[in-house]
Amino acid sequence: MNSRSLARALLASVALAASIVLAGCDTDQVSLATNAKANQPVSPKLVAAMGEKDMDLQSPILIRLFKSEAELEIWKQTRSGQFALLKTYPICRWSGDLGPKVREGDRQAPEGFYSINPSQMNPQSAYYLSFNTGFPNAFDKALGRTGSQLMVHGDCSSRGCYAMTDEQIAEIYSLGRESFFGGQKAFQFQAYPFRMTPVNMAKHRNNPNMAFWKMIKEGYDHFEVTRQEPKVDFCEKKYVFDAAKAPDAKRDPVFDASAKCPAYVIPEDIASAVRGKEQRDEAEYNKLVARGTPVARMNTGIDGGMNKIFAAKIPEGSTGLSEGAEGNTLQMLSMSKAPGTIPGTVNPPKPNLEAVAAAPQEEPVVAVTAPATNTRVATAAPAAKSGGFFSNLGRKMGMSIADTTATASAAPQATASVTPAPAAPSTASRLKAAVTRFVPGHHDAAKDAPKPAVAAARPVEPAKQPDTRLAATRPALKQSVSDGASDASQMMGAAPVISSNSFDSRFGAVK
């Protein structure tokens, strides 16, 4: 048994050593067996959680990720053979909009089903540790979608990737590493715009990506009803899940993402369970639509999102496109401990002014419930004095503008058209100041630009030093988030003690 485990581990190490990672979210790749960061042991607290859930340390894993909720889930196979949820990690930062990645440079984080093998693990990332999502897969390529080096990494800063804290990615990385030691050849990575529930599907029913989302929801449903990793194939430029050989076929079906689908069947036990779930979801969806569930506002002007636990820790932070109440909720969360270190160079969600300027200048269609008797509702038609670009931007961001915003005052003489006092700033200037406050500094040197002064009374902050970290820079090892990493400072010190079953001890001969 030990010899077989050693042989599998050696093969994994050789694959990792042979892999080369190009520039992008990552840097030069080196052998995992010689990197201390990548050899940090799984925390005792997480190992204990595995024991409570009947999981082995080296059993297979599966990852699910949700943009809108800004959460990453680690599922692990139990001794019964089914997958169970081990841990949910809040995502520190993701970029782009809800929807799949289409082309290189669109800042979109990918959505879909991807396979992560040992060669995609990068222990020498410029963002502490990372793994490559594998975008584009065969489906993406069949549609002509382009992009490269789309990662899940640390550093809490994203330009098309999914960013965690360094402590989080260290723990996620160690779980992937141990699954490879246990013989898993690749783990599945499922990325969704949101949890594929009837209420979320109803909220986004007008989104142009809905056809794609319904397609990947099939895979979501397969996993939900079986708790098994769905087998993924592609044909006719679409996803196919859990396809099997037809009863009269002499060989397994061969799939090509761009070609006609071969003859195949879906096992009846799976097909029946999925049909039942889809029928229940469809019935609930129809009820929600009939009740007038509001349609989610299109937010092309916001770049990505952030879990509210992190937004609460950043001055004037925002969850962006991720769900999460602002105001008191964020204020209360600011008193709690963050799951890892938030670097000073984090780039929280902010308006994409170019996208807003290029977008149509009308209000999105949003379903609303009947207003109360004493509530005045703004009309969708623009006022005679539009206020220019910043007024239009304000309407797209949902900000209050005196010319169009409803008032809740019961007094009949209180209206939205009251002439402001002469000393009050104009709508455009107030919105411009709000946008300026909403856009904190970004550590990407290519996007750095002088920021306009917001208020004369505000003290001038010292200029931030540009991020000059090189690929060769090796950050200190991070304490596991399961052991209660501090949100105020990083764990400093020497490399951790390598356990007897670590990569270094197992593969000293191949360094």
Protein backbone atom coordinates (compact mmCIF):
# COMPACT_ATOMS: atom_id res chain seq x y z
CA MET A 1 0.00 0.00 0.00
CA ASN A 2 2.81 2.40 0.92
CA SER A 3 4.69 1.63 -2.29
CA ARG A 4 1.60 2.37 -4.40
CA SER A 5 1.04 5.69 -2.59
CA LEU A 6 4.69 6.63 -3.10
CA ALA A 7 4.49 5.80 -6.80
CA ARG A 8 1.39 7.97 -7.24
CA ALA A 9 3.03 10.80 -5.33
CA LEU A 10 6.17 10.57 -7.46
CA LEU A 11 4.09 10.79 -10.63
CA ALA A 12 2.29 13.85 -9.28
CA SER A 13 5.62 15.48 -8.40
CA VAL A 14 7.06 14.79 -11.86
CA ALA A 15 3.98 16.31 -13.51
CA LEU A 16 4.27 19.39 -11.35
CA ALA A 17 7.97 19.78 -12.01
CA ALA A 18 7.44 19.48 -15.78
CA SER A 19 4.70 22.11 -15.92
CA ILE A 20 5.50 25.65 -17.08
CA VAL A 21 3.19 28.53 -16.18
CA LEU A 22 3.22 31.62 -18.42
CA ALA A 23 2.94 35.26 -17.41
CA GLY A 24 -0.44 36.58 -16.33
CA CYS A 25 -1.92 36.06 -12.88
CA ASP A 26 1.07 33.79 -12.19
CA THR A 27 4.82 33.64 -12.54
CA ASP A 28 7.47 31.00 -13.18
CA GLN A 29 6.58 27.56 -11.88
CA VAL A 30 8.91 25.36 -9.85
CA SER A 31 8.57 21.89 -8.45
CA LEU A 32 5.96 21.68 -5.72
CA ALA A 33 8.26 19.30 -3.87
CA THR A 34 10.82 22.06 -3.22
CA ASN A 35 8.47 24.87 -2.19
CA ALA A 36 7.77 25.40 1.52
CA LYS A 37 4.62 27.49 0.99
CA ALA A 38 3.01 24.70 -1.02
CA ASN A 39 3.98 22.09 1.59
CA GLN A 40 2.19 23.61 4.54
CA PRO A 41 0.23 20.82 6.25
CA VAL A 42 -3.54 20.84 6.42
CA SER A 43 -4.49 22.47 9.73
CA PRO A 44 -5.33 20.16 12.66
CA LYS A 45 -8.74 21.87 12.96
CA LEU A 46 -9.63 21.02 9.36
CA VAL A 47 -8.31 17.47 9.73
CA ALA A 48 -10.55 17.07 12.77
CA ALA A 49 -13.53 18.36 10.74
CA MET A 50 -12.80 15.70 8.12
CA GLY A 51 -12.86 13.01 10.76
CA GLU A 52 -16.23 14.23 12.05
CA LYS A 53 -17.64 14.08 8.50
CA ASP A 54 -16.23 10.61 7.74
CA MET A 55 -13.65 11.91 5.26
CA ASP A 56 -10.06 10.87 4.69
CA LEU A 57 -7.31 13.47 4.39
CA GLN A 58 -6.39 12.27 0.89
CA SER A 59 -9.88 11.57 -0.48
CA PRO A 60 -10.98 13.39 -3.69
CA ILE A 61 -12.21 16.99 -3.58
CA LEU A 62 -14.53 19.12 -5.73
CA ILE A 63 -14.79 22.92 -5.78
CA ARG A 64 -17.92 25.01 -6.42
CA LEU A 65 -17.76 28.79 -6.69
CA PHE A 66 -20.52 31.44 -6.78
CA LYS A 67 -19.90 35.02 -7.91
CA SER A 68 -23.03 36.70 -6.56
CA GLU A 69 -22.67 35.13 -3.11
CA ALA A 70 -18.86 35.55 -3.31
CA GLU A 71 -18.29 32.09 -1.85
CA LEU A 72 -16.05 29.13 -2.70
CA GLU A 73 -17.03 25.68 -1.45
CA ILE A 74 -14.72 22.71 -0.87
CA TRP A 75 -16.54 19.39 -1.15
CA LYS A 76 -14.78 16.17 -0.19
CA GLN A 77 -15.64 12.54 -0.80
CA THR A 78 -16.73 10.62 2.28
CA ARG A 79 -16.10 6.95 2.94
CA SER A 80 -19.58 6.25 1.58
CA GLY A 81 -18.41 7.44 -1.85
CA GLN A 82 -20.56 10.60 -1.97
CA PHE A 83 -19.31 14.16 -1.69
CA ALA A 84 -20.14 16.30 1.35
CA LEU A 85 -19.43 19.96 2.04
CA LEU A 86 -16.24 20.39 4.04
CA LYS A 87 -15.86 24.17 4.19
CA THR A 88 -17.11 27.40 2.60
CA TYR A 89 -14.64 30.25 2.01
CA PRO A 90 -15.72 33.86 1.44
CA ILE A 91 -14.15 35.20 -1.78
CA CYS A 92 -12.07 38.30 -1.23
CA ARG A 93 -12.34 39.61 -4.80
CA TRP A 94 -13.56 38.63 -8.27
CA SER A 95 -13.71 40.85 -11.32
CA GLY A 96 -15.91 41.45 -14.33
CA ASP A 97 -19.68 40.95 -14.50
CA LEU A 98 -22.04 38.03 -13.97
CA GLY A 99 -21.62 35.87 -17.06
CA PRO A 100 -18.94 33.77 -18.78
CA LYS A 101 -15.58 34.95 -20.02
CA VAL A 102 -15.69 35.66 -23.76
CA ARG A 103 -12.40 37.19 -24.86
CA GLU A 104 -8.92 38.00 -23.68
CA GLY A 105 -8.81 41.26 -21.78
CA ASP A 106 -12.54 41.51 -20.90
CA ARG A 107 -11.68 41.16 -17.16
CA GLN A 108 -14.32 38.43 -16.85
CA ALA A 109 -13.77 35.61 -14.39
CA PRO A 110 -14.82 32.35 -16.12
CA GLU A 111 -18.01 30.37 -15.52
CA GLY A 112 -18.54 26.71 -16.32
CA PHE A 113 -16.98 23.33 -15.56
CA TYR A 114 -13.21 22.88 -15.54
CA SER A 115 -10.74 20.17 -14.58
CA ILE A 116 -7.68 20.90 -12.39
CA ASN A 117 -4.75 18.48 -12.63
CA PRO A 118 -1.39 18.65 -10.79
CA SER A 119 0.30 20.57 -13.63
CA GLN A 120 -2.13 23.46 -13.09
CA MET A 121 -1.02 23.98 -9.48
CA ASN A 122 1.41 26.89 -9.21
CA PRO A 123 3.46 27.06 -5.99
CA GLN A 124 5.58 30.00 -7.19
CA SER A 125 2.76 32.42 -7.96
CA ALA A 126 3.29 36.16 -7.60
CA TYR A 127 0.02 36.00 -5.65
CA TYR A 128 1.34 33.65 -2.94
CA LEU A 129 -0.15 30.39 -4.30
CA SER A 130 -2.57 29.66 -7.14
CA PHE A 131 -4.04 27.13 -9.50
CA ASN A 132 -5.09 27.59 -13.12
CA THR A 133 -8.82 27.10 -13.78
CA GLY A 134 -8.10 25.59 -17.20
CA PHE A 135 -10.04 28.21 -19.17
CA PRO A 136 -10.75 27.88 -22.05
CA ASN A 137 -12.18 24.36 -22.00
CA ALA A 138 -13.37 22.55 -25.14
CA PHE A 139 -16.78 24.27 -24.99
CA ASP A 140 -15.18 27.72 -24.73
CA LYS A 141 -12.87 26.98 -27.64
CA ALA A 142 -15.75 25.76 -29.81
CA LEU A 143 -17.38 29.17 -29.34
CA GLY A 144 -14.16 31.00 -30.15
CA ARG A 145 -13.71 32.30 -26.62
CA THR A 146 -10.21 33.44 -25.74
CA GLY A 147 -8.27 34.05 -22.55
CA SER A 148 -5.39 32.58 -20.59
CA GLN A 149 -4.01 32.22 -17.07
CA LEU A 150 -7.35 32.60 -15.31
CA MET A 151 -6.48 31.67 -11.73
CA VAL A 152 -7.73 31.15 -8.23
CA HIS A 153 -5.00 32.83 -6.18
CA GLY A 154 -4.18 34.83 -3.06
CA ASP A 155 -3.49 38.53 -2.52
CA CYS A 156 -7.20 39.58 -2.60
CA SER A 157 -6.79 41.44 -5.91
CA SER A 158 -8.31 40.41 -9.24
CA ARG A 159 -8.07 41.35 -12.91
CA GLY A 160 -10.12 38.46 -14.30
CA CYS A 161 -9.36 35.86 -11.63
CA TYR A 162 -10.84 34.71 -8.34
CA ALA A 163 -8.81 36.09 -5.44
CA MET A 164 -8.70 34.78 -1.89
CA THR A 165 -6.54 35.83 1.04
CA ASP A 166 -3.11 34.22 1.26
CA GLU A 167 -4.19 32.15 4.27
CA GLN A 168 -7.25 30.86 2.42
CA ILE A 169 -5.41 29.86 -0.75
CA ALA A 170 -2.74 28.12 1.35
CA GLU A 171 -5.43 25.92 2.89
CA ILE A 172 -7.27 25.31 -0.42
CA TYR A 173 -3.95 24.49 -2.11
CA SER A 174 -3.06 21.97 0.61
CA LEU A 175 -6.41 20.21 0.19
CA GLY A 176 -5.83 19.88 -3.55
CA ARG A 177 -2.29 18.64 -2.98
CA GLU A 178 -3.46 15.93 -0.58
CA SER A 179 -6.15 14.78 -2.99
CA PHE A 180 -3.46 14.25 -5.63
CA PHE A 181 -1.44 12.26 -3.09
CA GLY A 182 -4.50 10.09 -2.58
CA GLY A 183 -4.65 9.25 -6.28
CA GLN A 184 -7.13 11.81 -7.65
CA LYS A 185 -5.90 12.64 -11.16
CA ALA A 186 -7.84 15.91 -11.39
CA PHE A 187 -10.48 17.69 -9.33
CA GLN A 188 -13.51 19.40 -10.81
CA PHE A 189 -13.94 23.18 -10.56
CA GLN A 190 -17.50 24.45 -11.06
CA ALA A 191 -17.95 28.23 -11.39
CA TYR A 192 -21.44 29.76 -11.35
CA PRO A 193 -22.85 33.31 -11.46
CA PHE A 194 -24.96 32.51 -8.37
CA ARG A 195 -26.52 29.53 -6.60
CA MET A 196 -28.83 28.05 -9.22
CA THR A 197 -32.02 28.33 -7.19
CA PRO A 198 -35.48 29.21 -8.54
CA VAL A 199 -35.40 32.62 -6.88
CA ASN A 200 -32.04 33.52 -8.42
CA MET A 201 -33.13 32.27 -11.84
CA ALA A 202 -36.28 34.41 -11.54
CA LYS A 203 -34.31 37.49 -10.51
CA HIS A 204 -32.03 37.17 -13.54
CA ARG A 205 -34.63 35.98 -16.08
CA ASN A 206 -34.00 38.97 -18.39
CA ASN A 207 -30.22 38.50 -18.42
CA PRO A 208 -28.82 37.75 -21.91
CA ASN A 209 -26.70 34.95 -20.39
CA MET A 210 -29.75 32.99 -19.21
CA ALA A 211 -29.53 30.34 -21.96
CA PHE A 212 -25.94 29.55 -20.92
CA TRP A 213 -26.88 29.54 -17.24
CA LYS A 214 -29.74 27.10 -17.82
CA MET A 215 -27.28 24.81 -19.59
CA ILE A 216 -24.75 24.73 -16.74
CA LYS A 217 -27.62 24.44 -14.23
CA GLU A 218 -28.08 20.91 -15.59
CA GLY A 219 -24.65 20.03 -14.23
CA TYR A 220 -25.47 21.81 -10.99
CA ASP A 221 -28.63 19.68 -10.69
CA HIS A 222 -26.75 16.46 -11.47
CA PHE A 223 -24.42 17.13 -8.56
CA GLU A 224 -27.25 18.21 -6.26
CA VAL A 225 -29.23 14.97 -6.72
CA THR A 226 -26.33 12.51 -6.81
CA ARG A 227 -23.60 14.14 -4.68
CA GLN A 228 -21.21 12.67 -7.23
CA GLU A 229 -18.87 14.55 -9.54
CA PRO A 230 -20.78 14.80 -12.84
CA LYS A 231 -19.03 13.47 -15.92
CA VAL A 232 -18.68 16.39 -18.35
CA ASP A 233 -18.59 16.14 -22.16
CA PHE A 234 -19.19 18.60 -25.00
CA CYS A 235 -20.86 18.32 -28.38
CA GLU A 236 -22.74 20.65 -30.73
CA LYS A 237 -21.28 23.55 -28.75
CA LYS A 238 -23.05 22.58 -25.54
CA TYR A 239 -22.42 20.78 -22.25
CA VAL A 240 -23.49 17.15 -21.76
CA PHE A 241 -23.53 15.66 -18.25
CA ASP A 242 -23.18 12.01 -17.18
CA ALA A 243 -23.44 10.62 -20.71
CA ALA A 244 -23.09 6.85 -21.00
CA LYS A 245 -22.96 4.25 -23.78
CA ALA A 246 -26.31 3.42 -25.37
CA PRO A 247 -27.56 -0.15 -24.68
CA ASP A 248 -27.04 -1.26 -28.29
CA ALA A 249 -23.69 0.52 -28.75
CA LYS A 250 -20.48 -1.47 -29.05
CA ARG A 251 -18.20 1.27 -27.74
CA ASP A 252 -18.30 4.36 -25.57
CA PRO A 253 -19.50 7.55 -27.30
CA VAL A 254 -16.83 9.90 -28.61
CA PHE A 255 -17.53 13.59 -28.04
CA ASP A 256 -16.29 16.61 -29.96
CA ALA A 257 -17.37 20.07 -28.82
CA SER A 258 -17.83 21.31 -32.39
CA ALA A 259 -19.29 18.12 -33.90
CA LYS A 260 -22.69 16.44 -33.83
CA CYS A 261 -23.49 14.63 -30.60
CA PRO A 262 -22.96 10.85 -30.71
CA ALA A 263 -25.60 8.40 -29.52
CA TYR A 264 -25.63 8.32 -25.74
CA VAL A 265 -27.94 7.87 -22.76
CA ILE A 266 -28.07 9.24 -19.25
CA PRO A 267 -28.50 6.54 -16.59
CA GLU A 268 -32.18 6.37 -15.68
CA ASP A 269 -31.67 6.78 -11.94
CA ILE A 270 -29.80 10.04 -12.53
CA ALA A 271 -32.12 11.23 -15.30
CA SER A 272 -35.22 10.59 -13.19
CA ALA A 273 -33.84 12.41 -10.14
CA VAL A 274 -32.73 15.39 -12.27
CA ARG A 275 -36.15 15.58 -13.99
CA GLY A 276 -37.87 15.67 -10.63
CA LYS A 277 -35.66 18.49 -9.38
CA GLU A 278 -36.07 20.47 -12.60
CA GLN A 279 -39.87 20.15 -12.43
CA ARG A 280 -39.93 21.38 -8.83
CA ASP A 281 -37.60 24.27 -9.66
CA GLU A 282 -39.67 25.22 -12.72
CA ALA A 283 -42.91 25.26 -10.70
CA GLU A 284 -41.33 27.48 -8.05
CA TYR A 285 -39.81 29.73 -10.73
CA ASN A 286 -43.22 30.23 -12.38
CA LYS A 287 -44.77 31.18 -9.03
CA LEU A 288 -42.05 33.73 -8.38
CA VAL A 289 -42.46 35.30 -11.83
CA ALA A 290 -46.25 35.40 -11.43
CA ARG A 291 -45.85 37.20 -8.11
CA GLY A 292 -43.75 39.86 -9.83
CA THR A 293 -40.33 39.01 -8.42
CA PRO A 294 -38.14 42.02 -9.27
CA VAL A 295 -35.66 41.54 -12.09
CA ALA A 296 -32.06 42.12 -11.02
CA ARG A 297 -30.62 45.38 -12.26
CA MET A 298 -27.95 45.10 -14.94
CA ASN A 299 -24.73 46.49 -13.48
CA THR A 300 -22.35 46.84 -16.40
CA GLY A 301 -20.75 49.79 -14.63
CA ILE A 302 -19.43 47.81 -11.66
CA ASP A 303 -16.29 45.68 -11.90
CA GLY A 304 -16.89 42.45 -10.00
CA GLY A 305 -17.63 41.83 -6.37
CA MET A 306 -16.35 41.03 -2.90
CA ASN A 307 -17.76 39.12 0.05
CA LYS A 308 -19.26 41.45 2.65
CA ILE A 309 -16.88 40.22 5.38
CA PHE A 310 -14.03 41.77 3.38
CA ALA A 311 -15.95 44.85 2.20
CA ALA A 312 -16.59 45.68 5.86
CA LYS A 313 -12.84 45.84 6.50
CA ILE A 314 -12.01 48.33 3.74
CA PRO A 315 -12.65 52.09 4.04
CA GLU A 316 -15.69 52.89 1.89
CA GLY A 317 -15.63 49.25 0.74
CA SER A 318 -18.47 47.82 -1.32
CA THR A 319 -19.66 44.32 -2.16
CA GLY A 320 -20.12 45.46 -5.78
CA LEU A 321 -22.00 42.78 -7.74
CA SER A 322 -21.90 40.36 -4.83
CA GLU A 323 -24.90 40.16 -2.55
CA GLY A 324 -24.64 41.68 0.87
CA ALA A 325 -26.41 44.44 2.73
CA GLU A 326 -24.47 47.64 3.22
CA GLY A 327 -24.88 50.06 6.13
CA ASN A 328 -25.32 48.55 9.56
CA THR A 329 -24.55 45.03 8.36
CA LEU A 330 -21.11 46.02 7.11
CA GLN A 331 -20.54 48.11 10.24
CA MET A 332 -21.24 45.11 12.44
CA LEU A 333 -19.05 42.87 10.30
CA SER A 334 -16.19 45.34 10.62
CA MET A 335 -15.92 44.28 14.26
CA SER A 336 -15.44 40.61 13.36
CA LYS A 337 -12.24 38.86 12.37
CA ALA A 338 -11.44 38.54 8.66
CA PRO A 339 -10.53 35.05 7.35
CA GLY A 340 -6.98 36.02 6.50
CA THR A 341 -4.81 39.04 5.85
CA ILE A 342 -6.20 41.80 3.63
CA PRO A 343 -3.27 43.51 1.88
CA GLY A 344 -3.09 47.28 1.58
CA THR A 345 -3.13 46.98 -2.22
CA VAL A 346 -6.59 45.39 -2.45
CA ASN A 347 -8.77 46.79 -5.27
CA PRO A 348 -12.42 46.72 -4.14
CA PRO A 349 -15.28 46.81 -6.66
CA LYS A 350 -15.58 50.19 -8.34
CA PRO A 351 -17.41 51.82 -11.25
CA ASN A 352 -16.15 51.09 -14.73
CA LEU A 353 -16.71 54.57 -16.13
CA GLU A 354 -15.90 53.56 -19.71
CA ALA A 355 -18.52 50.78 -19.62
CA VAL A 356 -21.11 53.12 -18.18
CA ALA A 357 -20.43 55.81 -20.78
CA ALA A 358 -20.77 53.27 -23.59
CA ALA A 359 -23.97 51.72 -22.21
CA PRO A 360 -27.43 52.85 -23.38
CA GLN A 361 -28.66 55.83 -21.40
CA GLU A 362 -32.04 54.44 -20.33
CA GLU A 363 -33.16 52.81 -17.12
CA PRO A 364 -33.08 48.98 -17.07
CA VAL A 365 -36.44 47.24 -16.92
CA VAL A 366 -37.11 46.25 -13.31
CA ALA A 367 -40.28 44.57 -12.08
CA VAL A 368 -41.62 46.24 -8.94
CA THR A 369 -44.46 45.65 -6.54
CA ALA A 370 -47.29 48.17 -6.21
CA PRO A 371 -46.16 51.27 -4.28
CA ALA A 372 -47.73 52.29 -1.00
CA THR A 373 -50.44 54.96 -1.06
CA ASN A 374 -48.27 57.73 0.34
CA THR A 375 -45.13 56.80 -1.62
CA ARG A 376 -44.18 58.70 -4.74
CA VAL A 377 -42.40 56.69 -7.45
CA ALA A 378 -39.95 58.17 -9.90
CA THR A 379 -40.83 57.95 -13.57
CA ALA A 380 -38.56 56.14 -16.03
CA ALA A 381 -38.63 59.10 -18.44
CA PRO A 382 -35.63 61.42 -18.01
CA ALA A 383 -36.24 64.90 -16.65
CA ALA A 384 -35.87 67.89 -18.93
CA LYS A 385 -32.56 68.68 -17.28
CA SER A 386 -30.73 65.40 -17.36
CA GLY A 387 -27.67 66.54 -15.43
CA GLY A 388 -25.33 65.13 -18.08
CA PHE A 389 -23.09 62.11 -17.81
CA PHE A 390 -22.88 61.96 -14.01
CA SER A 391 -26.65 62.04 -13.60
CA ASN A 392 -26.97 59.13 -16.03
CA LEU A 393 -24.22 57.31 -14.15
CA GLY A 394 -26.06 57.90 -10.90
CA ARG A 395 -29.24 56.36 -12.22
CA LYS A 396 -27.31 53.28 -13.39
CA MET A 397 -25.64 52.88 -9.99
CA GLY A 398 -28.94 53.30 -8.15
CA MET A 399 -27.84 56.56 -6.49
CA SER A 400 -30.37 59.21 -5.45
CA ILE A 401 -30.72 62.18 -7.78
CA ALA A 402 -33.13 64.97 -6.88
CA ASP A 403 -34.77 65.17 -10.29
CA THR A 404 -35.97 61.53 -10.44
CA THR A 405 -35.81 59.96 -6.97
CA ALA A 406 -39.03 59.09 -5.16
CA THR A 407 -39.74 60.63 -1.77
CA ALA A 408 -41.44 58.95 1.16
CA SER A 409 -42.62 62.09 2.92
CA ALA A 410 -46.31 62.17 3.78
CA ALA A 411 -46.45 65.96 3.41
CA PRO A 412 -48.10 66.76 0.06
CA GLN A 413 -45.99 69.85 -0.47
CA ALA A 414 -42.70 67.93 -0.28
CA THR A 415 -41.69 67.11 -3.85
CA ALA A 416 -38.57 66.00 -5.66
CA SER A 417 -38.48 69.21 -7.67
CA VAL A 418 -37.83 71.61 -4.78
CA THR A 419 -35.18 74.11 -5.82
CA PRO A 420 -31.99 73.45 -3.87
CA ALA A 421 -30.35 76.17 -1.82
CA PRO A 422 -27.80 78.21 -3.74
CA ALA A 423 -24.95 76.85 -1.62
CA ALA A 424 -25.81 73.20 -2.32
CA PRO A 425 -23.57 71.46 -4.88
CA SER A 426 -25.06 70.42 -8.20
CA THR A 427 -26.21 66.86 -8.90
CA ALA A 428 -23.26 66.24 -11.15
CA SER A 429 -20.73 67.54 -8.65
CA ARG A 430 -22.25 65.50 -5.80
CA LEU A 431 -22.24 62.35 -7.92
CA LYS A 432 -18.74 63.02 -9.13
CA ALA A 433 -17.57 63.29 -5.52
CA ALA A 434 -19.38 60.03 -4.67
CA VAL A 435 -17.79 58.22 -7.59
CA THR A 436 -14.38 59.57 -6.61
CA ARG A 437 -14.84 58.26 -3.09
CA PHE A 438 -15.99 54.89 -4.46
CA VAL A 439 -12.82 54.38 -6.50
CA PRO A 440 -9.91 53.59 -4.17
CA GLY A 441 -6.38 53.14 -5.37
CA HIS A 442 -5.55 50.10 -7.50
CA HIS A 443 -2.18 48.44 -7.18
CA ASP A 444 -2.02 47.71 -10.90
CA ALA A 445 0.60 50.17 -12.07
CA ALA A 446 -0.85 50.26 -15.59
CA LYS A 447 -4.14 51.62 -14.24
CA ASP A 448 -2.70 54.10 -11.72
CA ALA A 449 -3.63 57.68 -12.42
CA PRO A 450 -3.75 60.92 -10.38
CA LYS A 451 -7.02 61.12 -8.44
CA PRO A 452 -9.02 64.36 -8.34
CA ALA A 453 -9.43 66.10 -5.01
CA VAL A 454 -12.82 65.36 -3.46
CA ALA A 455 -13.01 68.00 -0.76
CA ALA A 456 -10.63 70.74 0.27
CA ALA A 457 -11.15 70.00 3.97
CA ARG A 458 -10.09 66.39 3.58
CA PRO A 459 -6.48 65.80 4.65
CA VAL A 460 -4.13 64.76 1.91
CA GLU A 461 -3.18 61.11 2.19
CA PRO A 462 0.39 60.06 1.49
CA ALA A 463 0.86 58.53 -1.93
CA LYS A 464 0.91 54.75 -2.02
CA GLN A 465 4.09 53.12 -3.19
CA PRO A 466 3.55 51.08 -6.37
CA ASP A 467 3.53 47.30 -6.08
CA THR A 468 7.07 46.34 -7.04
CA ARG A 469 6.95 42.70 -6.02
CA LEU A 470 8.77 40.44 -8.44
CA ALA A 471 8.03 36.87 -9.36
CA ALA A 472 11.03 35.78 -7.35
CA THR A 473 9.72 37.41 -4.15
CA ARG A 474 8.64 34.74 -1.67
CA PRO A 475 6.11 35.95 0.93
CA ALA A 476 6.21 34.58 4.43
CA LEU A 477 4.22 31.46 5.21
CA LYS A 478 0.62 32.08 6.20
CA GLN A 479 -1.20 30.71 9.20
CA SER A 480 -4.13 28.49 8.28
CA VAL A 481 -7.51 30.21 8.32
CA SER A 482 -8.82 27.20 10.22
CA ASP A 483 -6.48 28.06 13.07
CA GLY A 484 -7.80 31.63 13.33
CA ALA A 485 -5.59 33.87 11.23
CA SER A 486 -5.44 37.46 12.42
CA ASP A 487 -7.00 40.15 10.32
CA ALA A 488 -4.49 42.74 11.48
CA SER A 489 -1.13 41.28 10.61
CA GLN A 490 0.49 38.54 8.59
CA MET A 491 2.07 35.45 10.08
CA MET A 492 5.80 35.94 9.95
CA GLY A 493 8.68 33.61 10.58
CA ALA A 494 10.54 30.65 9.24
CA ALA A 495 9.17 27.81 7.15
CA PRO A 496 6.88 25.43 9.02
CA VAL A 497 8.04 22.09 10.25
CA ILE A 498 7.51 19.64 7.39
CA SER A 499 5.60 16.57 8.51
CA SER A 500 6.87 13.09 7.78
CA ASN A 501 4.42 12.64 4.93
CA SER A 502 5.23 15.95 3.24
CA PHE A 503 6.35 16.53 -0.32
CA ASP A 504 9.92 17.29 0.77
CA SER A 505 10.41 14.09 2.70
CA ARG A 506 8.70 11.97 0.04
CA PHE A 507 10.48 13.43 -2.95
CA GLY A 508 13.88 14.49 -1.70
CA ALA A 509 15.44 12.34 -4.40
CA VAL A 510 13.79 14.23 -7.25
CA LYS A 511 14.53 17.83 -6.19
